[in-house]
């Protein structure tokens, strides 16, 4: 299944509320960000703290167009924490960091507009 990132893409298939609840989306704080030169598409390696219940998880994020490494640490982000880990080159991505495409197709991170505790779940 391929999802379009375009703002004019048709709405996705209808799902039940239980399907939505199965996707565990949590807020975490980026504790470190590193270059990921081995990635096929430009990306950063992130370490994100999701609080004591989930801990620090790694993620590969294609956010190099709109973010610099030095501005990422301390930023809260949202991520899906219950997908299986995914091997990306030599890096194991443990969570899917969420974002939206801007008008140029660059990824803008999805985050709360006010600080919330790490590990807070989207509902």
C-alpha atoms as a PDB file:
ATOM      1  CA  UNK A   1       0.000   0.000   0.000  1.00  0.00           C
ATOM      2  CA  UNK A   2       1.420   3.388  -0.981  1.00  0.00           C
ATOM      3  CA  UNK A   3       0.176   6.562   0.633  1.00  0.00           C
ATOM      4  CA  UNK A   4       0.491   9.862  -1.178  1.00  0.00           C
ATOM      5  CA  UNK A   5       2.041  12.761   0.721  1.00  0.00           C
ATOM      6  CA  UNK A   6       0.355  15.317  -1.548  1.00  0.00           C
ATOM      7  CA  UNK A   7      -2.123  17.661   0.158  1.00  0.00           C
ATOM      8  CA  UNK A   8      -4.719  16.909  -2.539  1.00  0.00           C
ATOM      9  CA  UNK A   9      -4.460  13.109  -2.183  1.00  0.00           C
ATOM     10  CA  UNK A  10      -7.797  11.354  -1.716  1.00  0.00           C
ATOM     11  CA  UNK A  11      -8.859  10.364   1.782  1.00  0.00           C
ATOM     12  CA  UNK A  12      -7.593   6.977   2.967  1.00  0.00           C
ATOM     13  CA  UNK A  13      -9.753   3.883   3.299  1.00  0.00           C
ATOM     14  CA  UNK A  14     -12.280   4.023   6.156  1.00  0.00           C
ATOM     15  CA  UNK A  15     -11.166   2.178   9.293  1.00  0.00           C
ATOM     16  CA  UNK A  16     -12.811   1.290  12.572  1.00  0.00           C
ATOM     17  CA  UNK A  17     -12.051   3.058  15.846  1.00  0.00           C
ATOM     18  CA  UNK A  18     -10.333  -0.073  17.159  1.00  0.00           C
ATOM     19  CA  UNK A  19      -7.927   0.107  14.193  1.00  0.00           C
ATOM     20  CA  UNK A  20      -7.006   3.666  15.223  1.00  0.00           C
ATOM     21  CA  UNK A  21      -6.504   2.601  18.840  1.00  0.00           C
ATOM     22  CA  UNK A  22      -4.116  -0.155  17.703  1.00  0.00           C
ATOM     23  CA  UNK A  23      -1.645   2.486  16.470  1.00  0.00           C
ATOM     24  CA  UNK A  24       0.304   3.641  19.530  1.00  0.00           C
ATOM     25  CA  UNK A  25       1.395   7.253  18.894  1.00  0.00           C
ATOM     26  CA  UNK A  26       3.451   8.808  21.687  1.00  0.00           C
ATOM     27  CA  UNK A  27       5.311  12.037  22.343  1.00  0.00           C
ATOM     28  CA  UNK A  28       9.005  11.964  23.070  1.00  0.00           C
ATOM     29  CA  UNK A  29      11.898  14.384  23.326  1.00  0.00           C
ATOM     30  CA  UNK A  30      14.843  14.118  20.942  1.00  0.00           C
ATOM     31  CA  UNK A  31      17.943  13.567  23.080  1.00  0.00           C
ATOM     32  CA  UNK A  32      20.420  13.349  20.206  1.00  0.00           C
ATOM     33  CA  UNK A  33      20.597  13.656  16.438  1.00  0.00           C
ATOM     34  CA  UNK A  34      23.380  12.438  14.144  1.00  0.00           C
ATOM     35  CA  UNK A  35      24.043  12.495  10.426  1.00  0.00           C
ATOM     36  CA  UNK A  36      23.022   9.376   8.493  1.00  0.00           C
ATOM     37  CA  UNK A  37      25.198   9.535   5.361  1.00  0.00           C
ATOM     38  CA  UNK A  38      24.582   5.842   4.498  1.00  0.00           C
ATOM     39  CA  UNK A  39      20.828   6.388   4.010  1.00  0.00           C
ATOM     40  CA  UNK A  40      19.532   6.202   0.421  1.00  0.00           C
ATOM     41  CA  UNK A  41      17.494   9.379   0.981  1.00  0.00           C
ATOM     42  CA  UNK A  42      18.947  12.171   3.156  1.00  0.00           C
ATOM     43  CA  UNK A  43      18.074  11.471   6.791  1.00  0.00           C
ATOM     44  CA  UNK A  44      19.164  11.912  10.396  1.00  0.00           C
ATOM     45  CA  UNK A  45      19.520   9.282  13.123  1.00  0.00           C
ATOM     46  CA  UNK A  46      17.479  10.349  16.155  1.00  0.00           C
ATOM     47  CA  UNK A  47      17.433   9.074  19.739  1.00  0.00           C
ATOM     48  CA  UNK A  48      14.054   9.930  21.287  1.00  0.00           C
ATOM     49  CA  UNK A  49      13.140   9.644  24.984  1.00  0.00           C
ATOM     50  CA  UNK A  50       9.567   8.378  25.440  1.00  0.00           C
ATOM     51  CA  UNK A  51       9.680   8.296  29.232  1.00  0.00           C
ATOM     52  CA  UNK A  52      10.170   5.435  31.707  1.00  0.00           C
ATOM     53  CA  UNK A  53       7.577   3.027  30.274  1.00  0.00           C
ATOM     54  CA  UNK A  54       9.039   2.978  26.741  1.00  0.00           C
ATOM     55  CA  UNK A  55      12.534   4.429  27.148  1.00  0.00           C
ATOM     56  CA  UNK A  56      14.854   5.888  24.534  1.00  0.00           C
ATOM     57  CA  UNK A  57      14.231   4.616  20.996  1.00  0.00           C
ATOM     58  CA  UNK A  58      16.072   5.169  17.715  1.00  0.00           C
ATOM     59  CA  UNK A  59      14.521   6.525  14.528  1.00  0.00           C
ATOM     60  CA  UNK A  60      15.670   7.407  11.040  1.00  0.00           C
ATOM     61  CA  UNK A  61      13.960  10.617   9.923  1.00  0.00           C
ATOM     62  CA  UNK A  62      14.030  12.212   6.475  1.00  0.00           C
ATOM     63  CA  UNK A  63      13.899  15.760   7.843  1.00  0.00           C
ATOM     64  CA  UNK A  64      17.158  17.189   6.483  1.00  0.00           C
ATOM     65  CA  UNK A  65      15.454  19.761   4.221  1.00  0.00           C
ATOM     66  CA  UNK A  66      13.912  21.798   7.045  1.00  0.00           C
ATOM     67  CA  UNK A  67      15.962  20.970  10.157  1.00  0.00           C
ATOM     68  CA  UNK A  68      19.604  21.291  11.173  1.00  0.00           C
ATOM     69  CA  UNK A  69      21.154  18.711  13.521  1.00  0.00           C
ATOM     70  CA  UNK A  70      21.933  21.296  16.197  1.00  0.00           C
ATOM     71  CA  UNK A  71      18.291  22.411  16.515  1.00  0.00           C
ATOM     72  CA  UNK A  72      16.794  18.951  17.095  1.00  0.00           C
ATOM     73  CA  UNK A  73      17.917  17.994  20.615  1.00  0.00           C
ATOM     74  CA  UNK A  74      15.242  19.020  23.133  1.00  0.00           C
ATOM     75  CA  UNK A  75      12.449  19.159  20.544  1.00  0.00           C
ATOM     76  CA  UNK A  76       9.330  17.096  21.226  1.00  0.00           C
ATOM     77  CA  UNK A  77       8.049  14.895  18.411  1.00  0.00           C
ATOM     78  CA  UNK A  78       5.314  12.342  17.859  1.00  0.00           C
ATOM     79  CA  UNK A  79       6.089   8.783  16.760  1.00  0.00           C
ATOM     80  CA  UNK A  80       4.430   5.414  16.266  1.00  0.00           C
ATOM     81  CA  UNK A  81       6.061   3.225  18.916  1.00  0.00           C
ATOM     82  CA  UNK A  82       4.432  -0.148  18.206  1.00  0.00           C
ATOM     83  CA  UNK A  83       5.607  -0.928  14.659  1.00  0.00           C
ATOM     84  CA  UNK A  84       8.258  -3.646  14.444  1.00  0.00           C
ATOM     85  CA  UNK A  85      11.833  -2.314  14.169  1.00  0.00           C
ATOM     86  CA  UNK A  86      12.955  -1.668  10.586  1.00  0.00           C
ATOM     87  CA  UNK A  87      16.478  -2.138   9.280  1.00  0.00           C
ATOM     88  CA  UNK A  88      17.619   0.897   7.274  1.00  0.00           C
ATOM     89  CA  UNK A  89      21.100   0.171   6.006  1.00  0.00           C
ATOM     90  CA  UNK A  90      23.198  -0.628   9.081  1.00  0.00           C
ATOM     91  CA  UNK A  91      20.794   1.280  11.356  1.00  0.00           C
ATOM     92  CA  UNK A  92      17.812  -0.254  13.172  1.00  0.00           C
ATOM     93  CA  UNK A  93      14.923   2.238  13.330  1.00  0.00           C
ATOM     94  CA  UNK A  94      12.693   1.368  16.293  1.00  0.00           C
ATOM     95  CA  UNK A  95       9.929   3.980  15.934  1.00  0.00           C
ATOM     96  CA  UNK A  96       8.330   5.926  13.076  1.00  0.00           C
ATOM     97  CA  UNK A  97       8.750   9.667  13.645  1.00  0.00           C
ATOM     98  CA  UNK A  98       5.704  11.496  12.275  1.00  0.00           C
ATOM     99  CA  UNK A  99       5.536  14.551  10.063  1.00  0.00           C
ATOM    100  CA  UNK A 100       3.609  16.277   7.309  1.00  0.00           C
ATOM    101  CA  UNK A 101       4.853  17.340   3.871  1.00  0.00           C
ATOM    102  CA  UNK A 102       5.000  21.081   3.281  1.00  0.00           C
ATOM    103  CA  UNK A 103       4.170  22.639  -0.102  1.00  0.00           C
ATOM    104  CA  UNK A 104       7.650  21.669  -1.388  1.00  0.00           C
ATOM    105  CA  UNK A 105       7.349  18.064  -0.177  1.00  0.00           C
ATOM    106  CA  UNK A 106       9.800  18.513   2.728  1.00  0.00           C
ATOM    107  CA  UNK A 107       8.863  16.849   6.019  1.00  0.00           C
ATOM    108  CA  UNK A 108       7.712  19.053   8.905  1.00  0.00           C
ATOM    109  CA  UNK A 109       7.766  17.260  12.270  1.00  0.00           C
ATOM    110  CA  UNK A 110       4.464  16.646  14.063  1.00  0.00           C
ATOM    111  CA  UNK A 111       4.557  17.763  17.705  1.00  0.00           C
ATOM    112  CA  UNK A 112       2.306  19.219  20.417  1.00  0.00           C
ATOM    113  CA  UNK A 113       2.115  23.021  20.517  1.00  0.00           C
ATOM    114  CA  UNK A 114       2.839  22.967  24.265  1.00  0.00           C
ATOM    115  CA  UNK A 115       5.178  20.675  26.248  1.00  0.00           C
ATOM    116  CA  UNK A 116       3.636  17.406  27.482  1.00  0.00           C
ATOM    117  CA  UNK A 117       5.191  14.550  29.472  1.00  0.00           C
ATOM    118  CA  UNK A 118       7.329  12.149  27.440  1.00  0.00           C
ATOM    119  CA  UNK A 119       5.330   9.023  26.706  1.00  0.00           C
ATOM    120  CA  UNK A 120       1.966  10.809  26.486  1.00  0.00           C
ATOM    121  CA  UNK A 121      -0.297   8.934  24.063  1.00  0.00           C
ATOM    122  CA  UNK A 122      -2.280  10.507  21.246  1.00  0.00           C
ATOM    123  CA  UNK A 123      -6.039  10.002  21.590  1.00  0.00           C
END
